[in-house]
PDB file of N, CA and C in Angstrom:
ATOM      1  N   UNK A   1       3.016   3.308 -10.338  1.00  0.00           N
ATOM      2  CA  UNK A   1       2.521   2.608 -11.323  1.00  0.00           C
ATOM      3  C   UNK A   1       1.448   1.279 -10.905  1.00  0.00           C
ATOM      4  N   UNK A   2       1.841   0.612 -10.168  1.00  0.00           N
ATOM      5  CA  UNK A   2       0.810  -0.561  -9.585  1.00  0.00           C
ATOM      6  C   UNK A   2      -0.550   0.263  -8.666  1.00  0.00           C
ATOM      7  N   UNK A   3       0.156   1.393  -8.711  1.00  0.00           N
ATOM      8  CA  UNK A   3      -1.350   1.466  -8.168  1.00  0.00           C
ATOM      9  C   UNK A   3      -2.362   2.914  -8.581  1.00  0.00           C
ATOM     10  N   UNK A   4      -1.730   2.436  -9.445  1.00  0.00           N
ATOM     11  CA  UNK A   4      -2.862   3.540 -10.925  1.00  0.00           C
ATOM     12  C   UNK A   4      -3.512   2.161 -11.851  1.00  0.00           C
ATOM     13  N   UNK A   5      -2.700   0.989 -11.466  1.00  0.00           N
ATOM     14  CA  UNK A   5      -3.689  -0.259 -12.244  1.00  0.00           C
ATOM     15  C   UNK A   5      -4.828  -0.783 -11.497  1.00  0.00           C
ATOM     16  N   UNK A   6      -4.044  -1.053 -10.036  1.00  0.00           N
ATOM     17  CA  UNK A   6      -5.108  -1.643  -8.646  1.00  0.00           C
ATOM     18  C   UNK A   6      -6.780  -1.641  -8.913  1.00  0.00           C
ATOM     19  N   UNK A   7      -7.091   0.219  -9.277  1.00  0.00           N
ATOM     20  CA  UNK A   7      -8.770  -0.282  -9.401  1.00  0.00           C
ATOM     21  C   UNK A   7      -8.804  -0.645 -10.384  1.00  0.00           C
ATOM     22  N   UNK A   8      -8.790  -1.045 -11.591  1.00  0.00           N
ATOM     23  CA  UNK A   8      -9.032  -1.377 -12.887  1.00  0.00           C
ATOM     24  C   UNK A   8      -9.167  -2.771 -12.282  1.00  0.00           C
ATOM     25  N   UNK A   9      -8.387  -3.952 -11.051  1.00  0.00           N
ATOM     26  CA  UNK A   9      -8.574  -4.947 -10.912  1.00  0.00           C
ATOM     27  C   UNK A   9      -9.572  -5.194  -9.847  1.00  0.00           C
ATOM     28  N   UNK A  10     -10.950  -5.155  -9.666  1.00  0.00           N
ATOM     29  CA  UNK A  10     -11.859  -5.340  -8.718  1.00  0.00           C
ATOM     30  C   UNK A  10     -11.860  -6.543  -7.561  1.00  0.00           C
ATOM     31  N   UNK A  11     -10.639  -7.817  -7.948  1.00  0.00           N
ATOM     32  CA  UNK A  11     -10.932  -8.317  -7.710  1.00  0.00           C
ATOM     33  C   UNK A  11      -9.165  -9.066  -6.791  1.00  0.00           C
ATOM     34  N   UNK A  12      -8.601  -8.341  -7.076  1.00  0.00           N
ATOM     35  CA  UNK A  12      -7.596  -8.450  -6.243  1.00  0.00           C
ATOM     36  C   UNK A  12      -7.668  -7.360  -5.028  1.00  0.00           C
ATOM     37  N   UNK A  13      -7.539  -8.418  -3.908  1.00  0.00           N
ATOM     38  CA  UNK A  13      -8.154  -8.379  -2.666  1.00  0.00           C
ATOM     39  C   UNK A  13      -6.915  -8.748  -1.602  1.00  0.00           C
ATOM     40  N   UNK A  14      -5.735  -9.004  -2.125  1.00  0.00           N
ATOM     41  CA  UNK A  14      -4.589  -8.763  -1.514  1.00  0.00           C
ATOM     42  C   UNK A  14      -3.720  -9.027  -2.568  1.00  0.00           C
ATOM     43  N   UNK A  15      -2.684  -8.061  -1.641  1.00  0.00           N
ATOM     44  CA  UNK A  15      -1.561  -8.167  -2.627  1.00  0.00           C
ATOM     45  C   UNK A  15      -0.235  -7.951  -1.286  1.00  0.00           C
ATOM     46  N   UNK A  16       0.952  -9.061  -2.044  1.00  0.00           N
ATOM     47  CA  UNK A  16       1.963  -8.950  -0.809  1.00  0.00           C
ATOM     48  C   UNK A  16       3.102  -8.671  -1.585  1.00  0.00           C
ATOM     49  N   UNK A  17       3.723  -7.765  -1.650  1.00  0.00           N
ATOM     50  CA  UNK A  17       4.887  -7.250  -1.976  1.00  0.00           C
ATOM     51  C   UNK A  17       5.979  -7.279  -0.871  1.00  0.00           C
ATOM     52  N   UNK A  18       6.534  -8.365  -0.646  1.00  0.00           N
ATOM     53  CA  UNK A  18       7.161  -8.169   0.721  1.00  0.00           C
ATOM     54  C   UNK A  18       8.870  -9.079  -0.592  1.00  0.00           C
ATOM     55  N   UNK A  19       9.668  -8.431   0.956  1.00  0.00           N
ATOM     56  CA  UNK A  19      11.257  -8.659   0.162  1.00  0.00           C
ATOM     57  C   UNK A  19      11.925  -7.599  -0.919  1.00  0.00           C
ATOM     58  N   UNK A  20      11.534  -6.904  -1.326  1.00  0.00           N
ATOM     59  CA  UNK A  20      12.049  -5.835  -1.989  1.00  0.00           C
ATOM     60  C   UNK A  20      13.536  -5.471  -1.780  1.00  0.00           C
ATOM     61  N   UNK A  21      14.243  -5.911  -2.589  1.00  0.00           N
ATOM     62  CA  UNK A  21      16.053  -5.515  -1.828  1.00  0.00           C
ATOM     63  C   UNK A  21      16.779  -5.005  -3.371  1.00  0.00           C
ATOM     64  N   UNK A  22      17.124  -4.011  -3.361  1.00  0.00           N
ATOM     65  CA  UNK A  22      17.151  -2.955  -2.394  1.00  0.00           C
ATOM     66  C   UNK A  22      15.695  -2.325  -2.113  1.00  0.00           C
ATOM     67  N   UNK A  23      15.599  -1.321  -1.089  1.00  0.00           N
ATOM     68  CA  UNK A  23      14.448  -0.760  -0.961  1.00  0.00           C
ATOM     69  C   UNK A  23      14.432   0.009  -1.876  1.00  0.00           C
ATOM     70  N   UNK A  24      12.667   0.346  -2.224  1.00  0.00           N
ATOM     71  CA  UNK A  24      12.663   0.898  -3.206  1.00  0.00           C
ATOM     72  C   UNK A  24      12.786   2.627  -2.736  1.00  0.00           C
ATOM     73  N   UNK A  25      14.155   3.684  -3.332  1.00  0.00           N
ATOM     74  CA  UNK A  25      14.132   4.639  -2.522  1.00  0.00           C
ATOM     75  C   UNK A  25      13.098   6.283  -2.796  1.00  0.00           C
ATOM     76  N   UNK A  26      12.037   5.640  -3.527  1.00  0.00           N
ATOM     77  CA  UNK A  26      11.091   6.852  -3.057  1.00  0.00           C
ATOM     78  C   UNK A  26      10.281   6.287  -2.337  1.00  0.00           C
ATOM     79  N   UNK A  27       9.893   5.702  -1.815  1.00  0.00           N
ATOM     80  CA  UNK A  27       9.646   5.312  -0.701  1.00  0.00           C
ATOM     81  C   UNK A  27       8.219   6.042  -1.090  1.00  0.00           C
ATOM     82  N   UNK A  28       7.612   5.179  -2.223  1.00  0.00           N
ATOM     83  CA  UNK A  28       6.267   5.831  -2.782  1.00  0.00           C
ATOM     84  C   UNK A  28       4.339   4.236  -2.243  1.00  0.00           C
ATOM     85  N   UNK A  29       5.219   3.569  -1.210  1.00  0.00           N
ATOM     86  CA  UNK A  29       4.097   2.562  -1.265  1.00  0.00           C
ATOM     87  C   UNK A  29       2.922   2.864  -0.454  1.00  0.00           C
ATOM     88  N   UNK A  30       2.527   4.365  -0.404  1.00  0.00           N
ATOM     89  CA  UNK A  30       0.809   4.521  -0.170  1.00  0.00           C
ATOM     90  C   UNK A  30       0.280   4.983  -1.669  1.00  0.00           C
ATOM     91  N   UNK A  31       0.942   5.199  -2.490  1.00  0.00           N
ATOM     92  CA  UNK A  31       0.600   5.353  -3.596  1.00  0.00           C
ATOM     93  C   UNK A  31      -0.442   4.076  -3.693  1.00  0.00           C
ATOM     94  N   UNK A  32      -0.574   2.768  -3.514  1.00  0.00           N
ATOM     95  CA  UNK A  32      -1.379   1.628  -3.655  1.00  0.00           C
ATOM     96  C   UNK A  32      -2.187   1.719  -2.825  1.00  0.00           C
ATOM     97  N   UNK A  33      -2.619   2.700  -1.783  1.00  0.00           N
ATOM     98  CA  UNK A  33      -3.858   3.058  -1.262  1.00  0.00           C
ATOM     99  C   UNK A  33      -4.352   4.118  -2.219  1.00  0.00           C
ATOM    100  N   UNK A  34      -5.710   3.484  -2.544  1.00  0.00           N
ATOM    101  CA  UNK A  34      -6.885   4.640  -2.974  1.00  0.00           C
ATOM    102  C   UNK A  34      -7.942   4.318  -2.581  1.00  0.00           C
ATOM    103  N   UNK A  35      -8.978   5.275  -2.596  1.00  0.00           N
ATOM    104  CA  UNK A  35     -10.401   4.608  -2.327  1.00  0.00           C
ATOM    105  C   UNK A  35     -10.647   3.847  -3.500  1.00  0.00           C
ATOM    106  N   UNK A  36     -10.320   3.888  -4.499  1.00  0.00           N
ATOM    107  CA  UNK A  36     -10.873   3.006  -5.958  1.00  0.00           C
ATOM    108  C   UNK A  36     -10.509   1.127  -5.620  1.00  0.00           C
ATOM    109  N   UNK A  37      -9.294   1.588  -4.825  1.00  0.00           N
ATOM    110  CA  UNK A  37      -8.714   0.297  -4.089  1.00  0.00           C
ATOM    111  C   UNK A  37      -9.796  -1.150  -3.662  1.00  0.00           C
ATOM    112  N   UNK A  38      -9.549  -2.499  -3.902  1.00  0.00           N
ATOM    113  CA  UNK A  38     -10.393  -2.824  -3.130  1.00  0.00           C
ATOM    114  C   UNK A  38      -9.723  -4.130  -2.408  1.00  0.00           C
ATOM    115  N   UNK A  39      -8.466  -3.924  -2.098  1.00  0.00           N
ATOM    116  CA  UNK A  39      -7.419  -4.112  -1.169  1.00  0.00           C
ATOM    117  C   UNK A  39      -8.103  -4.324   0.327  1.00  0.00           C
ATOM    118  N   UNK A  40      -8.157  -5.281   1.125  1.00  0.00           N
ATOM    119  CA  UNK A  40      -8.436  -5.990   2.143  1.00  0.00           C
ATOM    120  C   UNK A  40      -7.046  -6.117   2.835  1.00  0.00           C
ATOM    121  N   UNK A  41      -6.118  -6.583   2.025  1.00  0.00           N
ATOM    122  CA  UNK A  41      -4.575  -7.313   3.031  1.00  0.00           C
ATOM    123  C   UNK A  41      -3.366  -6.280   2.283  1.00  0.00           C
ATOM    124  N   UNK A  42      -2.717  -5.851   2.175  1.00  0.00           N
ATOM    125  CA  UNK A  42      -1.392  -5.272   2.149  1.00  0.00           C
ATOM    126  C   UNK A  42      -0.301  -5.617   2.785  1.00  0.00           C
ATOM    127  N   UNK A  43       0.458  -6.177   1.932  1.00  0.00           N
ATOM    128  CA  UNK A  43       2.040  -7.111   2.826  1.00  0.00           C
ATOM    129  C   UNK A  43       3.045  -5.867   2.276  1.00  0.00           C
ATOM    130  N   UNK A  44       3.949  -5.119   3.083  1.00  0.00           N
ATOM    131  CA  UNK A  44       5.067  -4.790   2.457  1.00  0.00           C
ATOM    132  C   UNK A  44       6.135  -4.977   3.527  1.00  0.00           C
ATOM    133  N   UNK A  45       6.018  -6.094   4.547  1.00  0.00           N
ATOM    134  CA  UNK A  45       7.345  -6.758   4.869  1.00  0.00           C
ATOM    135  C   UNK A  45       8.621  -6.896   4.150  1.00  0.00           C
ATOM    136  N   UNK A  46       9.683  -6.260   4.783  1.00  0.00           N
ATOM    137  CA  UNK A  46      11.196  -6.658   4.406  1.00  0.00           C
ATOM    138  C   UNK A  46      11.290  -5.481   3.506  1.00  0.00           C
ATOM    139  N   UNK A  47      10.948  -4.193   3.114  1.00  0.00           N
ATOM    140  CA  UNK A  47      10.978  -3.559   2.419  1.00  0.00           C
ATOM    141  C   UNK A  47      11.945  -2.501   2.552  1.00  0.00           C
ATOM    142  N   UNK A  48      12.445  -2.342   3.786  1.00  0.00           N
ATOM    143  CA  UNK A  48      13.589  -0.959   4.038  1.00  0.00           C
ATOM    144  C   UNK A  48      12.145  -0.037   4.363  1.00  0.00           C
ATOM    145  N   UNK A  49      11.188  -0.372   4.546  1.00  0.00           N
ATOM    146  CA  UNK A  49       9.900   1.505   4.889  1.00  0.00           C
ATOM    147  C   UNK A  49      11.054   1.806   5.568  1.00  0.00           C
ATOM    148  N   UNK A  50      10.755   3.065   5.502  1.00  0.00           N
ATOM    149  CA  UNK A  50      11.900   4.194   6.360  1.00  0.00           C
ATOM    150  C   UNK A  50      10.506   4.910   7.111  1.00  0.00           C
ATOM    151  N   UNK A  51      10.984   5.727   8.136  1.00  0.00           N
ATOM    152  CA  UNK A  51      10.183   6.562   8.650  1.00  0.00           C
ATOM    153  C   UNK A  51       9.408   7.387   8.230  1.00  0.00           C
ATOM    154  N   UNK A  52       9.912   8.020   6.972  1.00  0.00           N
ATOM    155  CA  UNK A  52       9.014   8.473   5.722  1.00  0.00           C
ATOM    156  C   UNK A  52       7.879   7.695   5.029  1.00  0.00           C
ATOM    157  N   UNK A  53       8.468   6.843   5.189  1.00  0.00           N
ATOM    158  CA  UNK A  53       7.427   5.594   4.361  1.00  0.00           C
ATOM    159  C   UNK A  53       6.374   5.746   4.894  1.00  0.00           C
ATOM    160  N   UNK A  54       6.618   5.006   5.788  1.00  0.00           N
ATOM    161  CA  UNK A  54       6.049   4.675   7.015  1.00  0.00           C
ATOM    162  C   UNK A  54       4.304   5.734   7.483  1.00  0.00           C
ATOM    163  N   UNK A  55       5.506   7.459   7.110  1.00  0.00           N
ATOM    164  CA  UNK A  55       4.152   8.535   7.692  1.00  0.00           C
ATOM    165  C   UNK A  55       3.174   8.624   6.939  1.00  0.00           C
ATOM    166  N   UNK A  56       3.887   8.522   5.449  1.00  0.00           N
ATOM    167  CA  UNK A  56       2.968   8.512   4.378  1.00  0.00           C
ATOM    168  C   UNK A  56       2.047   7.611   4.063  1.00  0.00           C
ATOM    169  N   UNK A  57       1.783   6.414   4.419  1.00  0.00           N
ATOM    170  CA  UNK A  57       0.999   5.206   4.602  1.00  0.00           C
ATOM    171  C   UNK A  57       0.463   5.501   5.438  1.00  0.00           C
ATOM    172  N   UNK A  58       0.450   6.139   6.660  1.00  0.00           N
ATOM    173  CA  UNK A  58      -0.158   6.577   7.766  1.00  0.00           C
ATOM    174  C   UNK A  58      -1.099   7.384   7.183  1.00  0.00           C
ATOM    175  N   UNK A  59      -0.931   8.184   6.729  1.00  0.00           N
ATOM    176  CA  UNK A  59      -1.920   9.588   6.308  1.00  0.00           C
ATOM    177  C   UNK A  59      -2.875   9.087   5.300  1.00  0.00           C
ATOM    178  N   UNK A  60      -2.247   8.354   4.008  1.00  0.00           N
ATOM    179  CA  UNK A  60      -3.053   7.981   3.599  1.00  0.00           C
ATOM    180  C   UNK A  60      -4.013   7.489   3.718  1.00  0.00           C
ATOM    181  N   UNK A  61      -3.867   6.118   4.987  1.00  0.00           N
ATOM    182  CA  UNK A  61      -4.626   5.648   6.076  1.00  0.00           C
ATOM    183  C   UNK A  61      -5.604   6.142   6.461  1.00  0.00           C
ATOM    184  N   UNK A  62      -5.479   6.975   7.210  1.00  0.00           N
ATOM    185  CA  UNK A  62      -6.327   7.542   7.915  1.00  0.00           C
ATOM    186  C   UNK A  62      -7.278   9.083   6.766  1.00  0.00           C
ATOM    187  N   UNK A  63      -6.564   8.858   5.706  1.00  0.00           N
ATOM    188  CA  UNK A  63      -7.901   9.885   4.836  1.00  0.00           C
ATOM    189  C   UNK A  63      -9.046   9.097   4.283  1.00  0.00           C
ATOM    190  N   UNK A  64      -8.208   7.477   4.133  1.00  0.00           N
ATOM    191  CA  UNK A  64      -9.398   6.678   2.743  1.00  0.00           C
ATOM    192  C   UNK A  64     -10.071   6.277   3.531  1.00  0.00           C
ATOM    193  N   UNK A  65     -11.443   6.262   3.398  1.00  0.00           N
ATOM    194  CA  UNK A  65     -12.686   5.871   3.942  1.00  0.00           C
ATOM    195  C   UNK A  65     -12.380   4.641   4.594  1.00  0.00           C
ATOM    196  N   UNK A  66     -12.109   3.887   2.880  1.00  0.00           N
ATOM    197  CA  UNK A  66     -12.223   2.871   2.576  1.00  0.00           C
ATOM    198  C   UNK A  66     -11.251   1.434   3.472  1.00  0.00           C
ATOM    199  N   UNK A  67     -10.317   2.311   4.312  1.00  0.00           N
ATOM    200  CA  UNK A  67      -9.161   1.557   4.648  1.00  0.00           C
ATOM    201  C   UNK A  67      -9.165   1.126   6.282  1.00  0.00           C
ATOM    202  N   UNK A  68      -9.782   1.457   7.142  1.00  0.00           N
ATOM    203  CA  UNK A  68     -10.736   0.903   8.510  1.00  0.00           C
ATOM    204  C   UNK A  68     -10.526  -0.831   8.456  1.00  0.00           C
ATOM    205  N   UNK A  69     -10.976  -0.523   7.092  1.00  0.00           N
ATOM    206  CA  UNK A  69     -11.145  -2.441   7.022  1.00  0.00           C
ATOM    207  C   UNK A  69      -9.882  -3.461   6.477  1.00  0.00           C
ATOM    208  N   UNK A  70      -8.296  -2.400   6.036  1.00  0.00           N
ATOM    209  CA  UNK A  70      -7.835  -2.675   5.495  1.00  0.00           C
ATOM    210  C   UNK A  70      -6.258  -3.647   6.486  1.00  0.00           C
ATOM    211  N   UNK A  71      -5.751  -4.675   6.512  1.00  0.00           N
ATOM    212  CA  UNK A  71      -5.034  -4.682   6.879  1.00  0.00           C
ATOM    213  C   UNK A  71      -3.253  -5.120   6.129  1.00  0.00           C
ATOM    214  N   UNK A  72      -2.538  -4.062   7.121  1.00  0.00           N
ATOM    215  CA  UNK A  72      -1.628  -3.899   6.586  1.00  0.00           C
ATOM    216  C   UNK A  72      -0.624  -4.677   7.561  1.00  0.00           C
ATOM    217  N   UNK A  73       0.326  -5.206   7.076  1.00  0.00           N
ATOM    218  CA  UNK A  73       1.815  -5.551   7.598  1.00  0.00           C
ATOM    219  C   UNK A  73       2.877  -5.222   7.072  1.00  0.00           C
TER     220      UNK A  73
END
C-alpha cells in the first residue's frame, strides 16, 4: 500500500521504517522501490528481513535505473 502511494509524494526523499515487530511475514519491502519513487534513503533496520526479502530487494534494486543513488540500510 505504501509503495503505491510513494510516487504521488515527490518530496519524500527519505523513508525510515525501522523496528517493525513482529516482522512482516510477506517480506514485501521491495514494493517500496519503484521507478517513480524519489527516495534517496530507505532504512529498514531491525525489521527481521529474511534472505527472501533481501533477495527481492536486490532484484528490484538492480532493475530500477534510479536505484544506484539509493542508500539502503
